[in-house]
Amino acid sequence: MPSKKAIVIGAGIAGIAAAIRLAVKGYAVSVFEANVTPGGKLAEIKKDGFRFDAGPSLLTLPGYIDELFALAGKDPSQYFKYQELDIICKYFYEDGTRLTAYADEAKFIKEITTITDEPAASLKKQRANSSKIYELTNPVFLERGFSGLNSLFNKEALKALVNLPKLDTARTMHRANQSFFKDKRLVQFYDRYATYNGSNPYTAPATLNVVPHLEQQLGAYFPQGGMYSIINTLVKLAEELGVKFHYQSPVDEIVLNNKVILGVKVKGELINADIVVSNMDIWFTYKKLLKDHPKLHPQKTLQQERSSSALVFYWGINTTFNELDLHNIFFSAHYKAEFDHIWKEKDIYHDPTVYLNISSKLNPDDAPRGCENWFVMINVPANTGQNWDGLTTQARKNILAKLSRLLNRDVTPLIISESILDPRGIESKTSSYQGSIYGTSSNSKYAAFMRHANKSGQVKGLYFCGGSVHPGGGIPLCLLSAKIVSQSVGR
């Protein structure tokens, strides 16, 4: 029988992964989740015969999921199946350009050189740069915990520091992309990757140009059954390892004794544990669960700029569009103006970039026959008290006008089912402060060093995982945060 007890707060993907890893290490693990179902942001919605993945819709680096099954001595293919995408995304520009991002490098280069005047050499230079940044940063900032300057005294970190100019921290993503491409459409194409962690390409460091490498060179994937199948399979694995899940059981407090973990309080009851892992947003972890210990609060971290949020429309469409694929982007005609509105004006630009995901393209059961399930999202500012009802109404009109214009078909009468998620709902459903999807932004070249560590330096037995702490947001990084927690336990 396990001799040590671990409690995980929150059944988001990082929390579930942490629970699996701790169970493999021999801990008796209990996961406490406030919602009725697991998943956190990686949830699902079922309505009117349609099924939607409520949050993340892109899978990269699935090996991190496979690794969890392998650790438990299981065959990953017996639990979790996925396919690599031949078409990563389709792009629609206001000038009428339509561009397909193929996974195959040769096909993608041919597509770009046919549609634009950019030479193949420009694309190859960008890909080499993205690959190099990944090679240097992955072992230092992604695979390992970061807890101050001492973390930099190892072989991989010193290699990254020696090659600091290649990390491209001194200029913004936008300036770097302008140096790679003359065609504004391609600059915009690569600037968009800043939104993968809720940042602004006009201020975020060019180090974030590592993101295209994950998608274009390491591959984009789709899980059999949709994104929520990731949660279902990981929960199944965790339960097979003895992990106990407690739903509708929000944690009220992390209980300490002289800066040593005692456990947590749930519904007034003290539940003892040797270690506690918080998968809750770092802001709420301190402000709610450790509110009686203000001296422990990392004030600078809690005051950092938050990432952007999202406004999502889940539309059931009573027809199909052959020109659309699983992932589709409809670009704003004035990209900088869009980001200025998000980050400076704190509102929504009248011509936002629209992301449209249609999982029924690959998983037909997600929509009734002859229909499609449209996940329609735009980037918006974090919630600081805006009139979201008014903003949502106007954004809906603008989005429908844009989609109808670029698809040459009136979309409005095709909607037969609708659900809406705005930053207020994201905060209330997932405990993400201000509805910011990725915790803090990465708009500073120091952002990678300022994320909260995965292990508390002040409380023995307290750990942190999820998108609001190191190494950051998104499924792969959340899984890595759980891995770092597991490696830190017992040290």
Protein backbone atom coordinates (compact mmCIF):
# COMPACT_ATOMS: atom_id res chain seq x y z
CA MET A 1 0.00 0.00 0.00
CA PRO A 2 1.22 3.54 -0.76
CA SER A 3 2.82 5.11 2.30
CA LYS A 4 2.55 8.72 1.15
CA LYS A 5 -0.46 10.77 0.15
CA ALA A 6 -0.67 13.39 -2.59
CA ILE A 7 -3.51 15.77 -3.33
CA VAL A 8 -3.93 17.43 -6.72
CA ILE A 9 -6.13 20.52 -6.90
CA GLY A 10 -7.89 20.64 -10.25
CA ALA A 11 -8.49 18.00 -12.92
CA GLY A 12 -7.15 19.94 -15.86
CA ILE A 13 -4.80 18.07 -18.15
CA ALA A 14 -1.74 19.07 -16.10
CA GLY A 15 -3.42 17.98 -12.87
CA ILE A 16 -4.39 14.60 -14.33
CA ALA A 17 -0.88 14.09 -15.72
CA ALA A 18 0.65 15.00 -12.36
CA ALA A 19 -1.68 12.53 -10.64
CA ILE A 20 -0.61 9.75 -13.03
CA ARG A 21 3.07 10.45 -12.51
CA LEU A 22 2.74 10.57 -8.72
CA ALA A 23 0.75 7.34 -8.70
CA VAL A 24 3.52 5.68 -10.70
CA LYS A 25 5.98 6.95 -8.07
CA GLY A 26 3.97 5.16 -5.40
CA TYR A 27 1.78 7.92 -3.98
CA ALA A 28 -1.86 7.48 -3.01
CA VAL A 29 -3.35 10.31 -5.09
CA SER A 30 -6.64 12.17 -4.73
CA VAL A 31 -7.75 14.79 -7.23
CA PHE A 32 -10.29 17.41 -6.17
CA GLU A 33 -12.17 19.16 -8.98
CA ALA A 34 -14.76 21.93 -8.59
CA ASN A 35 -16.64 21.03 -11.77
CA VAL A 36 -18.87 18.06 -12.51
CA THR A 37 -16.43 16.68 -15.07
CA PRO A 38 -12.64 16.70 -15.56
CA GLY A 39 -10.71 18.61 -18.19
CA GLY A 40 -10.54 22.25 -17.12
CA LYS A 41 -10.18 24.30 -20.30
CA LEU A 42 -10.04 21.02 -22.25
CA ALA A 43 -13.77 20.42 -21.77
CA GLU A 44 -16.59 19.55 -24.15
CA ILE A 45 -20.08 20.85 -24.88
CA LYS A 46 -22.99 18.75 -26.12
CA LYS A 47 -26.08 20.52 -27.39
CA ASP A 48 -28.81 19.90 -29.99
CA GLY A 49 -27.06 16.85 -31.39
CA PHE A 50 -23.70 18.65 -31.74
CA ARG A 51 -20.52 18.01 -29.76
CA PHE A 52 -17.83 20.67 -29.38
CA ASP A 53 -14.38 20.62 -27.85
CA ALA A 54 -14.81 23.67 -25.66
CA GLY A 55 -11.18 24.79 -25.50
CA PRO A 56 -7.89 23.61 -27.03
CA SER A 57 -8.39 22.23 -30.52
CA LEU A 58 -4.83 21.60 -31.75
CA LEU A 59 -2.69 18.67 -30.67
CA THR A 60 1.09 18.81 -31.03
CA LEU A 61 3.78 16.65 -29.43
CA PRO A 62 1.42 13.74 -28.64
CA GLY A 63 4.46 11.80 -27.45
CA TYR A 64 4.09 13.53 -24.10
CA ILE A 65 0.70 11.82 -23.74
CA ASP A 66 2.03 8.48 -24.92
CA GLU A 67 4.79 8.81 -22.34
CA LEU A 68 2.25 8.72 -19.49
CA PHE A 69 0.96 5.33 -20.61
CA ALA A 70 4.48 4.00 -21.10
CA LEU A 71 5.41 5.09 -17.56
CA ALA A 72 2.49 3.05 -16.26
CA GLY A 73 3.60 0.01 -18.24
CA LYS A 74 0.73 0.32 -20.71
CA ASP A 75 0.67 0.23 -24.48
CA PRO A 76 -0.33 3.80 -25.51
CA SER A 77 -1.94 2.60 -28.76
CA GLN A 78 -4.45 0.54 -26.78
CA TYR A 79 -5.71 3.69 -25.05
CA PHE A 80 -5.05 6.70 -27.20
CA LYS A 81 -5.16 6.91 -31.01
CA TYR A 82 -4.50 9.93 -33.19
CA GLN A 83 -3.71 10.83 -36.76
CA GLU A 84 -1.25 13.26 -38.23
CA LEU A 85 -2.81 16.02 -40.33
CA ASP A 86 -1.88 16.39 -43.98
CA ILE A 87 -3.41 19.86 -44.01
CA ILE A 88 -2.55 21.80 -40.88
CA CYS A 89 -4.72 24.84 -41.55
CA LYS A 90 -6.43 26.82 -44.29
CA TYR A 91 -5.99 30.59 -44.36
CA PHE A 92 -8.32 33.22 -45.82
CA TYR A 93 -7.19 36.82 -46.39
CA GLU A 94 -9.33 39.88 -47.00
CA ASP A 95 -7.66 40.45 -50.38
CA GLY A 96 -9.09 37.13 -51.57
CA THR A 97 -5.94 35.05 -51.04
CA ARG A 98 -6.54 31.50 -49.91
CA LEU A 99 -3.56 29.60 -48.63
CA THR A 100 -3.26 25.98 -47.48
CA ALA A 101 -0.59 25.10 -44.91
CA TYR A 102 0.40 21.57 -45.84
CA ALA A 103 2.30 19.39 -43.39
CA ASP A 104 4.61 18.21 -46.17
CA GLU A 105 7.43 20.72 -46.47
CA ALA A 106 7.76 20.47 -50.24
CA LYS A 107 4.02 20.93 -50.80
CA PHE A 108 3.90 23.86 -48.39
CA ILE A 109 6.85 25.58 -50.06
CA LYS A 110 5.26 25.05 -53.47
CA GLU A 111 1.99 26.54 -52.17
CA ILE A 112 3.76 29.63 -50.84
CA THR A 113 5.99 30.20 -53.86
CA THR A 114 3.00 29.77 -56.20
CA ILE A 115 0.75 32.21 -54.34
CA THR A 116 3.37 34.76 -53.31
CA ASP A 117 6.67 36.02 -54.71
CA GLU A 118 8.62 34.69 -51.74
CA PRO A 119 11.49 32.37 -52.71
CA ALA A 120 11.78 28.92 -51.18
CA ALA A 121 14.98 30.06 -49.48
CA SER A 122 13.03 32.47 -47.26
CA LEU A 123 10.81 29.70 -45.93
CA LYS A 124 13.74 27.37 -45.39
CA LYS A 125 15.58 30.10 -43.48
CA GLN A 126 12.59 30.66 -41.23
CA ARG A 127 12.18 26.94 -40.58
CA ALA A 128 15.87 26.56 -39.73
CA ASN A 129 15.64 29.48 -37.31
CA SER A 130 12.56 28.04 -35.61
CA SER A 131 14.21 24.65 -35.33
CA LYS A 132 17.37 26.13 -33.82
CA ILE A 133 15.45 28.02 -31.16
CA TYR A 134 13.66 24.82 -30.21
CA GLU A 135 16.93 22.89 -30.03
CA LEU A 136 18.38 25.45 -27.63
CA THR A 137 15.36 26.18 -25.46
CA ASN A 138 13.68 22.78 -25.12
CA PRO A 139 16.16 21.15 -22.71
CA VAL A 140 16.58 24.37 -20.70
CA PHE A 141 13.22 26.08 -20.40
CA LEU A 142 10.71 23.39 -21.32
CA GLU A 143 11.96 20.05 -20.07
CA ARG A 144 13.39 21.42 -16.82
CA GLY A 145 12.10 23.44 -13.92
CA PHE A 146 13.30 27.02 -13.57
CA SER A 147 13.84 28.40 -10.08
CA GLY A 148 16.30 31.23 -10.49
CA LEU A 149 19.83 31.71 -11.75
CA ASN A 150 21.02 28.43 -10.24
CA SER A 151 18.88 26.70 -12.88
CA LEU A 152 21.20 28.04 -15.56
CA PHE A 153 24.30 26.26 -14.30
CA ASN A 154 24.10 23.10 -16.37
CA LYS A 155 25.46 22.01 -19.75
CA GLU A 156 22.27 22.68 -21.75
CA ALA A 157 21.65 26.08 -20.13
CA LEU A 158 25.19 27.24 -20.71
CA LYS A 159 24.91 26.15 -24.35
CA ALA A 160 21.77 28.26 -24.70
CA LEU A 161 23.46 31.26 -23.07
CA VAL A 162 26.48 30.98 -25.36
CA ASN A 163 24.07 30.95 -28.30
CA LEU A 164 21.89 33.74 -26.88
CA PRO A 165 21.85 35.76 -30.15
CA LYS A 166 20.28 32.75 -31.88
CA LEU A 167 17.40 32.86 -29.37
CA ASP A 168 16.48 36.23 -30.92
CA THR A 169 15.41 37.89 -27.67
CA ALA A 170 16.42 41.41 -28.71
CA ARG A 171 13.74 41.95 -31.35
CA THR A 172 10.03 41.29 -31.60
CA MET A 173 8.39 38.44 -33.48
CA HIS A 174 7.03 40.91 -36.01
CA ARG A 175 10.42 42.47 -36.73
CA ALA A 176 12.01 39.04 -37.07
CA ASN A 177 9.29 37.89 -39.48
CA GLN A 178 9.73 41.05 -41.51
CA SER A 179 13.39 40.13 -41.88
CA PHE A 180 12.45 36.69 -43.22
CA PHE A 181 9.67 37.73 -45.61
CA LYS A 182 8.79 40.65 -47.85
CA ASP A 183 5.21 39.52 -48.47
CA LYS A 184 2.96 40.99 -45.78
CA ARG A 185 0.69 37.96 -45.93
CA LEU A 186 3.51 35.67 -44.84
CA VAL A 187 4.60 38.07 -42.10
CA GLN A 188 1.03 37.97 -40.80
CA PHE A 189 0.97 34.18 -41.16
CA TYR A 190 3.96 33.80 -38.83
CA ASP A 191 2.99 36.66 -36.51
CA ARG A 192 -0.15 34.68 -35.64
CA TYR A 193 1.87 32.14 -33.68
CA ALA A 194 2.15 34.67 -30.84
CA THR A 195 -1.50 33.99 -30.12
CA TYR A 196 -0.68 30.36 -29.32
CA ASN A 197 0.29 31.55 -25.84
CA GLY A 198 -1.88 34.65 -25.66
CA SER A 199 0.74 37.23 -26.62
CA ASN A 200 1.24 40.15 -28.99
CA PRO A 201 3.65 39.64 -31.93
CA TYR A 202 4.43 43.36 -32.00
CA THR A 203 5.89 43.26 -28.47
CA ALA A 204 6.65 39.57 -27.76
CA PRO A 205 10.26 38.49 -28.26
CA ALA A 206 11.20 36.70 -31.47
CA THR A 207 12.13 33.67 -29.36
CA LEU A 208 8.46 32.76 -29.71
CA ASN A 209 9.15 31.98 -33.35
CA VAL A 210 9.91 28.56 -31.92
CA VAL A 211 6.16 27.83 -32.00
CA PRO A 212 5.88 27.14 -35.77
CA HIS A 213 8.48 24.40 -35.37
CA LEU A 214 6.13 22.43 -33.14
CA GLU A 215 3.28 22.61 -35.62
CA GLN A 216 4.97 22.60 -39.01
CA GLN A 217 8.02 20.43 -38.44
CA LEU A 218 7.05 18.15 -35.55
CA GLY A 219 3.49 17.75 -36.79
CA ALA A 220 -0.12 18.63 -36.00
CA TYR A 221 -2.46 15.84 -34.94
CA PHE A 222 -6.09 15.02 -34.27
CA PRO A 223 -7.14 12.49 -31.60
CA GLN A 224 -9.65 9.82 -32.48
CA GLY A 225 -12.91 10.97 -30.92
CA GLY A 226 -11.85 14.62 -30.65
CA MET A 227 -9.73 16.55 -28.19
CA TYR A 228 -11.80 15.60 -25.16
CA SER A 229 -10.82 11.97 -25.74
CA ILE A 230 -7.42 12.98 -24.32
CA ILE A 231 -9.08 13.69 -20.97
CA ASN A 232 -11.20 10.55 -21.04
CA THR A 233 -8.23 8.29 -21.73
CA LEU A 234 -5.96 9.93 -19.16
CA VAL A 235 -8.63 9.75 -16.46
CA LYS A 236 -9.11 6.08 -17.28
CA LEU A 237 -5.38 5.49 -16.93
CA ALA A 238 -5.23 7.42 -13.67
CA GLU A 239 -8.11 5.44 -12.18
CA GLU A 240 -6.45 2.18 -13.19
CA LEU A 241 -3.43 3.35 -11.19
CA GLY A 242 -5.63 3.95 -8.15
CA VAL A 243 -6.10 7.72 -8.43
CA LYS A 244 -9.34 8.89 -6.81
CA PHE A 245 -11.25 11.72 -8.48
CA HIS A 246 -13.63 13.86 -6.43
CA TYR A 247 -15.90 16.06 -8.55
CA GLN A 248 -17.99 19.01 -7.39
CA SER A 249 -15.42 19.24 -4.62
CA PRO A 250 -13.73 22.65 -4.73
CA VAL A 251 -10.79 23.06 -2.39
CA ASP A 252 -11.36 25.87 0.11
CA GLU A 253 -7.88 26.19 1.54
CA ILE A 254 -4.36 24.80 1.45
CA VAL A 255 -3.53 24.05 5.10
CA LEU A 256 -0.01 24.67 6.42
CA ASN A 257 1.86 24.15 9.64
CA ASN A 258 4.94 26.36 9.90
CA LYS A 259 5.39 26.42 6.14
CA VAL A 260 4.92 22.68 5.82
CA ILE A 261 1.98 21.13 3.97
CA LEU A 262 -0.67 19.52 6.17
CA GLY A 263 -3.29 19.04 3.46
CA VAL A 264 -6.36 20.84 2.15
CA LYS A 265 -9.82 21.74 3.35
CA VAL A 266 -12.75 20.57 1.25
CA LYS A 267 -16.28 21.40 2.41
CA GLY A 268 -14.89 22.23 5.81
CA GLU A 269 -13.05 18.94 6.24
CA LEU A 270 -9.27 18.71 6.61
CA ILE A 271 -7.82 16.10 4.29
CA ASN A 272 -4.21 15.34 5.14
CA ALA A 273 -1.47 14.92 2.56
CA ASP A 274 2.29 14.79 2.36
CA ILE A 275 2.33 16.89 -0.79
CA VAL A 276 -0.16 19.16 -2.57
CA VAL A 277 -0.02 20.00 -6.28
CA SER A 278 -2.08 22.99 -7.39
CA ASN A 279 -3.34 22.89 -10.96
CA MET A 280 -5.36 26.01 -10.23
CA ASP A 281 -4.29 29.31 -11.79
CA ILE A 282 -1.41 30.65 -9.71
CA TRP A 283 -3.32 33.87 -8.97
CA PHE A 284 -6.25 32.02 -7.37
CA THR A 285 -3.92 29.52 -5.67
CA TYR A 286 -2.50 32.36 -3.61
CA LYS A 287 -5.43 34.78 -3.44
CA LYS A 288 -8.00 32.11 -2.53
CA LEU A 289 -6.33 28.96 -1.22
CA LEU A 290 -3.49 30.73 0.59
CA LYS A 291 -5.28 33.96 1.36
CA ASP A 292 -4.42 33.73 5.07
CA HIS A 293 -0.70 33.69 4.24
CA PRO A 294 -0.08 37.00 2.45
CA LYS A 295 3.64 36.93 3.25
CA LEU A 296 3.93 33.91 0.96
CA HIS A 297 2.39 35.71 -2.00
CA PRO A 298 4.83 36.43 -4.86
CA GLN A 299 3.64 39.96 -5.46
CA LYS A 300 5.65 40.62 -8.63
CA THR A 301 4.39 37.42 -10.22
CA LEU A 302 0.79 38.13 -9.30
CA GLN A 303 1.02 41.64 -10.75
CA GLN A 304 2.36 40.57 -14.14
CA GLU A 305 0.45 41.34 -17.32
CA ARG A 306 -2.11 38.64 -18.04
CA SER A 307 -2.39 36.85 -21.36
CA SER A 308 -5.22 37.53 -23.77
CA SER A 309 -8.54 35.77 -23.40
CA ALA A 310 -11.04 34.45 -25.94
CA LEU A 311 -14.60 34.91 -27.09
CA VAL A 312 -15.97 31.65 -28.48
CA PHE A 313 -19.18 30.90 -30.36
CA TYR A 314 -20.18 27.25 -30.64
CA TRP A 315 -22.42 27.12 -33.69
CA GLY A 316 -24.31 24.16 -35.06
CA ILE A 317 -24.46 24.72 -38.85
CA ASN A 318 -27.16 23.00 -40.90
CA THR A 319 -24.99 22.44 -43.97
CA THR A 320 -21.40 21.66 -44.95
CA PHE A 321 -18.61 23.73 -46.50
CA ASN A 322 -16.26 21.77 -48.73
CA GLU A 323 -13.73 24.62 -48.87
CA LEU A 324 -13.17 24.44 -45.10
CA ASP A 325 -10.98 22.01 -43.19
CA LEU A 326 -10.43 21.05 -39.55
CA HIS A 327 -8.52 24.28 -38.81
CA ASN A 328 -9.27 27.56 -40.61
CA ILE A 329 -8.12 31.15 -40.12
CA PHE A 330 -9.80 34.28 -41.47
CA PHE A 331 -7.28 37.11 -41.09
CA SER A 332 -7.93 40.69 -40.12
CA ALA A 333 -7.00 43.18 -42.83
CA HIS A 334 -5.15 45.32 -40.24
CA TYR A 335 -3.36 42.99 -37.85
CA LYS A 336 -1.56 45.60 -35.74
CA ALA A 337 -4.80 47.50 -35.18
CA GLU A 338 -6.38 44.30 -33.92
CA PHE A 339 -3.61 43.76 -31.35
CA ASP A 340 -3.63 47.43 -30.35
CA HIS A 341 -7.30 47.07 -29.49
CA ILE A 342 -6.65 43.94 -27.43
CA TRP A 343 -3.62 45.22 -25.52
CA LYS A 344 -4.04 49.00 -25.44
CA GLU A 345 -7.74 49.71 -25.81
CA LYS A 346 -8.82 46.56 -23.93
CA ASP A 347 -11.67 45.97 -26.35
CA ILE A 348 -12.46 44.10 -29.57
CA TYR A 349 -11.43 45.34 -32.99
CA HIS A 350 -14.26 45.60 -35.54
CA ASP A 351 -12.37 43.28 -37.93
CA PRO A 352 -10.95 40.52 -35.73
CA THR A 353 -9.02 37.50 -36.95
CA VAL A 354 -11.37 34.53 -36.73
CA TYR A 355 -10.31 30.98 -35.94
CA LEU A 356 -12.78 28.33 -37.10
CA ASN A 357 -12.39 24.72 -35.99
CA ILE A 358 -14.70 22.01 -37.34
CA SER A 359 -13.97 18.70 -35.62
CA SER A 360 -16.82 17.00 -37.49
CA LYS A 361 -14.58 17.13 -40.58
CA LEU A 362 -12.60 14.26 -39.04
CA ASN A 363 -15.04 13.03 -36.40
CA PRO A 364 -18.45 12.91 -38.15
CA ASP A 365 -20.27 11.93 -34.95
CA ASP A 366 -19.72 15.49 -33.66
CA ALA A 367 -22.57 16.79 -35.84
CA PRO A 368 -25.85 15.48 -37.28
CA ARG A 369 -25.60 14.18 -40.83
CA GLY A 370 -25.24 17.00 -43.35
CA CYS A 371 -24.25 19.48 -40.60
CA GLU A 372 -21.04 20.87 -39.11
CA ASN A 373 -19.99 21.91 -35.61
CA TRP A 374 -18.29 25.29 -35.78
CA PHE A 375 -16.00 26.39 -32.96
CA VAL A 376 -15.58 30.08 -33.77
CA MET A 377 -13.03 32.01 -31.69
CA ILE A 378 -11.47 35.45 -31.63
CA ASN A 379 -8.73 36.76 -29.36
CA VAL A 380 -9.94 39.35 -26.87
CA PRO A 381 -8.45 41.14 -23.85
CA ALA A 382 -8.55 39.72 -20.36
CA ASN A 383 -11.59 40.70 -18.33
CA THR A 384 -11.06 43.98 -16.50
CA GLY A 385 -14.72 44.95 -16.25
CA GLN A 386 -15.66 45.51 -19.90
CA ASN A 387 -19.28 45.38 -21.07
CA TRP A 388 -19.02 41.84 -22.40
CA ASP A 389 -22.69 41.57 -23.29
CA GLY A 390 -22.40 44.57 -25.60
CA LEU A 391 -19.01 43.56 -26.96
CA THR A 392 -20.23 40.03 -27.66
CA THR A 393 -23.31 41.22 -29.54
CA GLN A 394 -21.25 43.49 -31.79
CA ALA A 395 -18.49 40.92 -32.27
CA ARG A 396 -21.04 38.32 -33.34
CA LYS A 397 -22.31 40.66 -36.07
CA ASN A 398 -18.77 41.45 -37.24
CA ILE A 399 -17.71 37.80 -37.28
CA LEU A 400 -20.75 36.70 -39.24
CA ALA A 401 -20.24 39.51 -41.75
CA LYS A 402 -16.58 38.54 -42.17
CA LEU A 403 -17.24 34.81 -42.60
CA SER A 404 -20.09 35.46 -44.99
CA ARG A 405 -17.96 37.84 -47.04
CA LEU A 406 -14.93 35.54 -47.32
CA LEU A 407 -16.98 32.39 -47.90
CA ASN A 408 -19.33 34.11 -50.36
CA ARG A 409 -22.33 32.74 -48.49
CA ASP A 410 -24.59 34.16 -45.78
CA VAL A 411 -23.75 32.17 -42.66
CA THR A 412 -26.31 33.69 -40.27
CA PRO A 413 -29.41 31.70 -41.34
CA LEU A 414 -27.39 28.45 -41.23
CA ILE A 415 -26.95 28.57 -37.44
CA ILE A 416 -29.35 26.16 -35.72
CA SER A 417 -27.60 25.88 -32.35
CA GLU A 418 -25.51 28.33 -30.35
CA SER A 419 -23.54 28.51 -27.12
CA ILE A 420 -21.20 31.35 -26.12
CA LEU A 421 -18.16 31.54 -23.86
CA ASP A 422 -16.62 34.89 -22.93
CA PRO A 423 -13.78 35.81 -20.52
CA ARG A 424 -16.17 35.93 -17.58
CA GLY A 425 -17.25 32.36 -18.26
CA ILE A 426 -13.67 31.21 -18.75
CA GLU A 427 -12.77 32.62 -15.34
CA SER A 428 -15.77 31.13 -13.55
CA LYS A 429 -15.53 27.70 -15.19
CA THR A 430 -11.75 27.25 -15.04
CA SER A 431 -10.54 29.58 -12.26
CA SER A 432 -8.41 31.47 -14.78
CA TYR A 433 -7.89 34.96 -13.40
CA GLN A 434 -9.53 37.58 -15.65
CA GLY A 435 -10.29 34.80 -18.11
CA SER A 436 -6.69 34.89 -19.34
CA ILE A 437 -6.19 31.54 -21.04
CA TYR A 438 -2.42 31.26 -20.60
CA GLY A 439 -1.85 32.89 -17.23
CA THR A 440 0.65 35.69 -17.74
CA SER A 441 1.54 37.01 -21.19
CA SER A 442 4.86 36.48 -22.95
CA ASN A 443 5.12 40.05 -24.19
CA SER A 444 8.46 40.58 -22.47
CA LYS A 445 11.82 39.04 -23.32
CA TYR A 446 12.08 38.17 -19.63
CA ALA A 447 8.72 36.39 -19.49
CA ALA A 448 10.23 32.89 -19.66
CA PHE A 449 12.23 33.68 -16.51
CA MET A 450 9.32 35.27 -14.64
CA ARG A 451 6.83 32.42 -14.66
CA HIS A 452 6.15 30.91 -11.27
CA ALA A 453 8.27 27.87 -10.45
CA ASN A 454 6.79 24.36 -10.22
CA LYS A 455 8.05 23.86 -6.68
CA SER A 456 7.48 26.27 -3.81
CA GLY A 457 10.62 27.75 -2.39
CA GLN A 458 8.82 28.65 0.83
CA VAL A 459 6.42 25.81 1.63
CA LYS A 460 7.66 22.25 1.97
CA GLY A 461 5.49 19.84 -0.01
CA LEU A 462 3.76 22.43 -2.22
CA TYR A 463 3.98 22.18 -6.01
CA PHE A 464 2.38 23.86 -9.03
CA CYS A 465 1.44 22.71 -12.52
CA GLY A 466 -0.65 24.03 -15.41
CA GLY A 467 -0.54 26.82 -17.93
CA SER A 468 -0.09 29.66 -15.44
CA VAL A 469 3.27 28.39 -14.17
CA HIS A 470 6.53 27.23 -15.76
CA PRO A 471 6.95 26.42 -18.63
CA GLY A 472 3.66 27.93 -19.89
CA GLY A 473 0.27 27.37 -21.51
CA GLY A 474 -0.89 24.89 -24.13
CA ILE A 475 -1.27 21.11 -23.89
CA PRO A 476 2.42 20.14 -24.38
CA LEU A 477 3.69 22.68 -21.86
CA CYS A 478 1.04 21.75 -19.32
CA LEU A 479 2.09 18.12 -19.63
CA LEU A 480 5.71 19.19 -19.17
CA SER A 481 4.81 21.13 -16.03
CA ALA A 482 3.42 17.88 -14.57
CA LYS A 483 6.61 16.09 -15.55
CA ILE A 484 8.74 18.72 -13.85
CA VAL A 485 6.62 18.42 -10.68
CA SER A 486 7.13 14.66 -10.63
CA GLN A 487 10.88 15.07 -11.07
CA SER A 488 10.99 17.64 -8.26
CA VAL A 489 9.09 15.57 -5.69
CA GLY A 490 11.48 14.04 -3.20
CA ARG A 491 14.39 16.29 -4.09
